[in-house]
Amino acid sequence: MNLSDSQTGGAVPRRVSAMEAVLSHLRGAIERGDYAIGEKLPSEAELCRRLEVSRPVLREALRALQVMGLTASRTGKGTFVLAHTVEDPTFGDYVASDLLEVRRHVEIPVAGYAALRRTPENLDHLAHLLDRMERETDTTAWVAMDTLFHLTVAEAAQNPVFRRVIEEIRDALARQSAFLNELGGRREQSNREHRAIVEALIDRSEHDAVEAMSHHLDRVETTLTDIVRTPRTDTPTQIPTDSTAPSPSEGGPQA
């Protein structure tokens, strides 16, 4: 399944992964009311059989539902529906709205300070990170470097308190980054936004650094909002073939 240009505002079409399709299918079923609040979803084994996907793919989709606040997992009992609509996704210990509010009040001025105070070593570190991020194809590795990038910008502001604040929310930043990249295809766009931030630091432009970081956080918020507000579908989502699903000969579902 591919997104058309009209769906992406003229952007290059992005292939929808099996995980995204499974998430869309389950989210649609929950939002349509196919499962009542408090009701248990079918077991992982049953969902894998129905949707013809591997367990890792299904588990990623189930984790995304939990982040959205639609479901909760109870150890040894299964996954239960908590709500029929998405309110405010949770990343680690923090909800998305709280996290973004703090990021705006901290990271935007931090970028300005970093433009005025950065050292050659800070710039070298950031340039090296950018190069690695632009070459990286593994989402997990990229997400780790994404959080390190924001820590390094905070370090360039030459105030240890700023770095400590970013350290405090580092796990939440990583969870949010993974969520946005898996469901919003943010990686390439984020790389461009990061480069604009670094270019402003190189130029020692406080104004440009503040603008670049503001734009970056605006795009984070827009992508998150788009994911959360995706309209309910009344028809089942077609699940792309999952190459990692077990074949019929291995006990997987028959076609």
Protein backbone atom coordinates (compact mmCIF):
# COMPACT_ATOMS: atom_id res chain seq x y z
CA MET A 1 0.00 0.00 0.00
CA ASN A 2 1.42 3.42 -0.96
CA LEU A 3 0.34 6.89 0.07
CA SER A 4 -0.57 9.03 -2.91
CA ASP A 5 0.87 12.50 -3.52
CA SER A 6 -2.48 14.01 -2.61
CA GLN A 7 -2.27 12.36 0.80
CA THR A 8 1.22 13.66 1.48
CA GLY A 9 0.85 17.17 0.11
CA GLY A 10 2.92 16.39 -2.98
CA ALA A 11 5.71 14.70 -1.05
CA VAL A 12 7.41 11.54 -2.24
CA PRO A 13 5.05 8.63 -1.52
CA ARG A 14 6.00 6.60 1.55
CA ARG A 15 5.28 2.89 1.71
CA VAL A 16 3.06 1.90 4.60
CA SER A 17 4.69 -0.83 6.68
CA ALA A 18 2.95 -3.95 7.91
CA MET A 19 3.08 -2.55 11.45
CA GLU A 20 1.38 0.70 10.39
CA ALA A 21 -1.34 -1.22 8.56
CA VAL A 22 -1.94 -3.49 11.56
CA LEU A 23 -2.08 -0.45 13.84
CA SER A 24 -4.55 1.29 11.52
CA HIS A 25 -6.70 -1.84 11.37
CA LEU A 26 -6.82 -2.31 15.16
CA ARG A 27 -7.22 1.40 15.87
CA GLY A 28 -10.11 1.58 13.41
CA ALA A 29 -11.81 -1.38 15.06
CA ILE A 30 -11.45 0.22 18.50
CA GLU A 31 -12.62 3.65 17.37
CA ARG A 32 -15.64 2.14 15.57
CA GLY A 33 -16.62 0.51 18.84
CA ASP A 34 -16.03 -3.06 17.67
CA TYR A 35 -14.45 -3.57 21.09
CA ALA A 36 -16.11 -2.09 24.16
CA ILE A 37 -14.16 -0.18 26.79
CA GLY A 38 -12.84 -2.76 29.21
CA GLU A 39 -13.06 -5.53 26.64
CA LYS A 40 -10.04 -7.72 25.98
CA LEU A 41 -8.58 -7.85 22.49
CA PRO A 42 -8.09 -11.29 20.92
CA SER A 43 -4.88 -13.03 21.92
CA GLU A 44 -1.64 -12.30 20.08
CA ALA A 45 -1.76 -15.74 18.49
CA GLU A 46 -5.31 -15.16 17.26
CA LEU A 47 -4.52 -11.69 15.89
CA CYS A 48 -1.44 -13.01 14.11
CA ARG A 49 -3.58 -15.69 12.47
CA ARG A 50 -6.32 -13.25 11.47
CA LEU A 51 -4.00 -10.55 10.11
CA GLU A 52 -1.32 -12.92 8.78
CA VAL A 53 1.58 -11.07 10.37
CA SER A 54 4.43 -12.09 12.61
CA ARG A 55 4.31 -11.61 16.36
CA PRO A 56 7.02 -8.87 16.39
CA VAL A 57 4.97 -6.82 13.91
CA LEU A 58 1.81 -7.27 15.97
CA ARG A 59 3.57 -6.37 19.22
CA GLU A 60 4.88 -3.11 17.73
CA ALA A 61 1.33 -2.20 16.76
CA LEU A 62 0.01 -3.11 20.21
CA ARG A 63 2.69 -0.94 21.83
CA ALA A 64 1.63 1.98 19.62
CA LEU A 65 -1.98 1.53 20.73
CA GLN A 66 -0.82 1.74 24.33
CA VAL A 67 1.19 4.90 23.64
CA MET A 68 -1.95 6.43 22.11
CA GLY A 69 -3.85 5.60 25.29
CA LEU A 70 -6.35 3.33 23.55
CA THR A 71 -5.30 0.13 25.31
CA ALA A 72 -3.43 -1.19 28.33
CA SER A 73 -1.54 -4.44 28.70
CA ARG A 74 -2.04 -6.51 31.83
CA THR A 75 0.67 -9.05 32.50
CA GLY A 76 -0.60 -12.56 32.03
CA LYS A 77 -4.09 -11.37 31.09
CA GLY A 78 -3.78 -9.64 27.73
CA THR A 79 -4.55 -6.26 26.16
CA PHE A 80 -7.68 -4.34 27.16
CA VAL A 81 -9.43 -1.35 25.58
CA LEU A 82 -9.22 1.85 27.65
CA ALA A 83 -10.77 4.41 25.30
CA HIS A 84 -12.37 4.77 21.89
CA THR A 85 -10.58 8.02 20.97
CA VAL A 86 -6.98 9.17 21.19
CA GLU A 87 -6.42 12.00 23.67
CA ASP A 88 -2.76 12.63 24.48
CA PRO A 89 -0.09 10.00 23.72
CA THR A 90 2.25 9.05 26.56
CA PHE A 91 6.00 8.71 26.10
CA GLY A 92 7.57 7.10 29.13
CA ASP A 93 6.66 9.19 32.17
CA TYR A 94 5.28 12.16 30.25
CA VAL A 95 2.29 12.91 28.04
CA ALA A 96 3.06 14.45 24.66
CA SER A 97 1.54 17.87 25.37
CA ASP A 98 3.58 18.32 28.57
CA LEU A 99 6.75 17.15 26.84
CA LEU A 100 6.33 19.55 23.92
CA GLU A 101 5.53 22.48 26.21
CA VAL A 102 8.74 21.97 28.14
CA ARG A 103 10.78 21.44 24.97
CA ARG A 104 9.59 24.78 23.60
CA HIS A 105 10.53 26.62 26.79
CA VAL A 106 13.93 24.91 27.06
CA GLU A 107 15.26 23.87 23.67
CA ILE A 108 14.38 27.03 21.73
CA PRO A 109 16.35 29.42 24.00
CA VAL A 110 19.04 26.75 24.39
CA ALA A 111 19.60 26.84 20.62
CA GLY A 112 20.08 30.59 20.82
CA TYR A 113 22.61 30.31 23.64
CA ALA A 114 24.38 27.51 21.77
CA ALA A 115 24.80 29.74 18.71
CA LEU A 116 26.57 32.34 20.84
CA ARG A 117 28.64 30.00 23.02
CA ARG A 118 29.44 26.88 20.96
CA THR A 119 33.03 25.73 20.70
CA PRO A 120 34.80 24.17 17.71
CA GLU A 121 34.58 20.84 19.54
CA ASN A 122 30.79 21.19 19.86
CA LEU A 123 30.50 21.88 16.14
CA ASP A 124 32.72 18.92 15.26
CA HIS A 125 30.61 16.62 17.41
CA LEU A 126 27.36 17.88 15.88
CA ALA A 127 28.70 17.62 12.32
CA HIS A 128 29.83 14.04 12.96
CA LEU A 129 26.39 13.17 14.38
CA LEU A 130 24.61 14.71 11.40
CA ASP A 131 26.72 12.74 8.95
CA ARG A 132 26.02 9.49 10.79
CA MET A 133 22.29 10.21 11.06
CA GLU A 134 21.97 10.97 7.36
CA ARG A 135 23.61 7.64 6.50
CA GLU A 136 21.82 5.56 9.12
CA THR A 137 19.05 3.22 7.94
CA ASP A 138 18.24 1.50 11.24
CA THR A 139 15.48 3.33 13.13
CA THR A 140 16.68 2.28 16.59
CA ALA A 141 20.21 3.53 15.94
CA TRP A 142 18.89 6.75 14.41
CA VAL A 143 16.64 7.44 17.40
CA ALA A 144 19.58 7.03 19.79
CA MET A 145 21.56 9.59 17.76
CA ASP A 146 18.54 11.90 17.61
CA THR A 147 18.42 12.21 21.40
CA LEU A 148 22.21 12.58 21.50
CA PHE A 149 21.92 15.44 18.99
CA HIS A 150 19.61 17.38 21.29
CA LEU A 151 21.87 16.68 24.27
CA THR A 152 24.86 17.98 22.29
CA VAL A 153 23.05 21.21 21.39
CA ALA A 154 22.33 21.65 25.11
CA GLU A 155 26.00 21.06 25.88
CA ALA A 156 26.94 23.75 23.35
CA ALA A 157 24.95 26.27 25.41
CA GLN A 158 27.66 25.85 28.09
CA ASN A 159 25.19 25.57 30.96
CA PRO A 160 25.10 22.19 32.71
CA VAL A 161 21.55 22.77 33.94
CA PHE A 162 20.26 22.73 30.36
CA ARG A 163 21.95 19.41 29.72
CA ARG A 164 20.51 18.00 32.94
CA VAL A 165 16.98 18.96 31.86
CA ILE A 166 17.39 17.21 28.50
CA GLU A 167 18.87 14.19 30.28
CA GLU A 168 15.75 14.03 32.45
CA ILE A 169 13.45 13.77 29.43
CA ARG A 170 15.83 11.74 27.27
CA ASP A 171 13.86 8.50 27.49
CA ALA A 172 10.63 10.31 26.61
CA LEU A 173 12.36 12.02 23.67
CA ALA A 174 13.56 8.66 22.37
CA ARG A 175 10.10 7.10 22.66
CA GLN A 176 8.51 10.08 20.92
CA SER A 177 11.14 10.03 18.18
CA ALA A 178 10.61 6.32 17.52
CA PHE A 179 6.83 6.82 17.46
CA LEU A 180 7.01 9.73 14.99
CA ASN A 181 9.48 7.97 12.72
CA GLU A 182 7.54 4.71 12.62
CA LEU A 183 4.14 6.31 12.07
CA GLY A 184 5.01 9.66 10.53
CA GLY A 185 8.08 8.99 8.38
CA ARG A 186 9.89 11.88 10.02
CA ARG A 187 13.52 10.81 9.62
CA GLU A 188 14.58 12.61 6.42
CA GLN A 189 12.69 15.75 7.31
CA SER A 190 14.17 15.72 10.80
CA ASN A 191 17.67 15.36 9.35
CA ARG A 192 17.12 18.52 7.30
CA GLU A 193 15.81 20.38 10.33
CA HIS A 194 18.80 19.29 12.40
CA ARG A 195 21.18 20.49 9.70
CA ALA A 196 19.49 23.91 9.68
CA ILE A 197 20.06 24.14 13.44
CA VAL A 198 23.74 23.28 13.09
CA GLU A 199 24.22 25.73 10.22
CA ALA A 200 22.82 28.48 12.46
CA LEU A 201 25.25 27.49 15.20
CA ILE A 202 28.14 27.57 12.73
CA ASP A 203 27.09 31.10 11.68
CA ARG A 204 26.78 32.16 15.34
CA SER A 205 23.28 33.38 14.50
CA GLU A 206 21.15 33.38 17.62
CA HIS A 207 18.09 34.42 15.60
CA ASP A 208 18.49 31.66 13.00
CA ALA A 209 19.15 29.04 15.67
CA VAL A 210 16.00 29.99 17.55
CA GLU A 211 14.00 29.96 14.31
CA ALA A 212 15.43 26.59 13.24
CA MET A 213 14.66 24.93 16.57
CA SER A 214 11.18 26.49 16.62
CA HIS A 215 10.50 25.10 13.15
CA HIS A 216 11.78 21.68 14.20
CA LEU A 217 9.43 21.54 17.19
CA ASP A 218 6.55 22.87 15.08
CA ARG A 219 7.02 19.95 12.68
CA VAL A 220 7.19 17.49 15.58
CA GLU A 221 3.88 18.83 16.87
CA THR A 222 2.26 18.81 13.42
CA THR A 223 3.27 15.20 12.73
CA LEU A 224 2.10 14.08 16.15
CA THR A 225 -1.22 15.87 15.68
CA ASP A 226 -1.68 14.29 12.25
CA ILE A 227 -1.13 10.82 13.72
CA VAL A 228 -3.46 11.39 16.65
CA ARG A 229 -6.22 12.93 14.54
CA THR A 230 -6.18 10.36 11.74
CA PRO A 231 -9.88 9.88 10.95
CA ARG A 232 -11.59 6.61 11.77
CA THR A 233 -11.96 4.23 8.85
CA ASP A 234 -15.14 2.22 8.46
CA THR A 235 -13.55 -0.43 6.30
CA PRO A 236 -10.82 -2.88 7.31
CA THR A 237 -7.28 -1.85 6.40
CA GLN A 238 -5.50 -4.07 3.88
CA ILE A 239 -2.44 -5.49 5.58
CA PRO A 240 0.69 -5.65 3.38
CA THR A 241 2.28 -9.07 3.12
CA ASP A 242 4.56 -9.60 6.09
CA SER A 243 7.68 -11.39 4.87
CA THR A 244 8.52 -12.40 8.44
CA ALA A 245 5.22 -14.15 9.08
CA PRO A 246 5.39 -17.94 9.34
CA SER A 247 4.58 -19.81 6.16
CA PRO A 248 1.70 -22.32 6.04
CA SER A 249 4.22 -25.14 6.25
CA GLU A 250 5.52 -23.63 9.50
CA GLY A 251 2.11 -23.54 11.05
CA GLY A 252 1.10 -20.11 9.80
CA PRO A 253 -2.32 -19.20 8.40
CA GLN A 254 -3.55 -20.76 5.20
CA ALA A 255 -4.28 -18.36 2.37
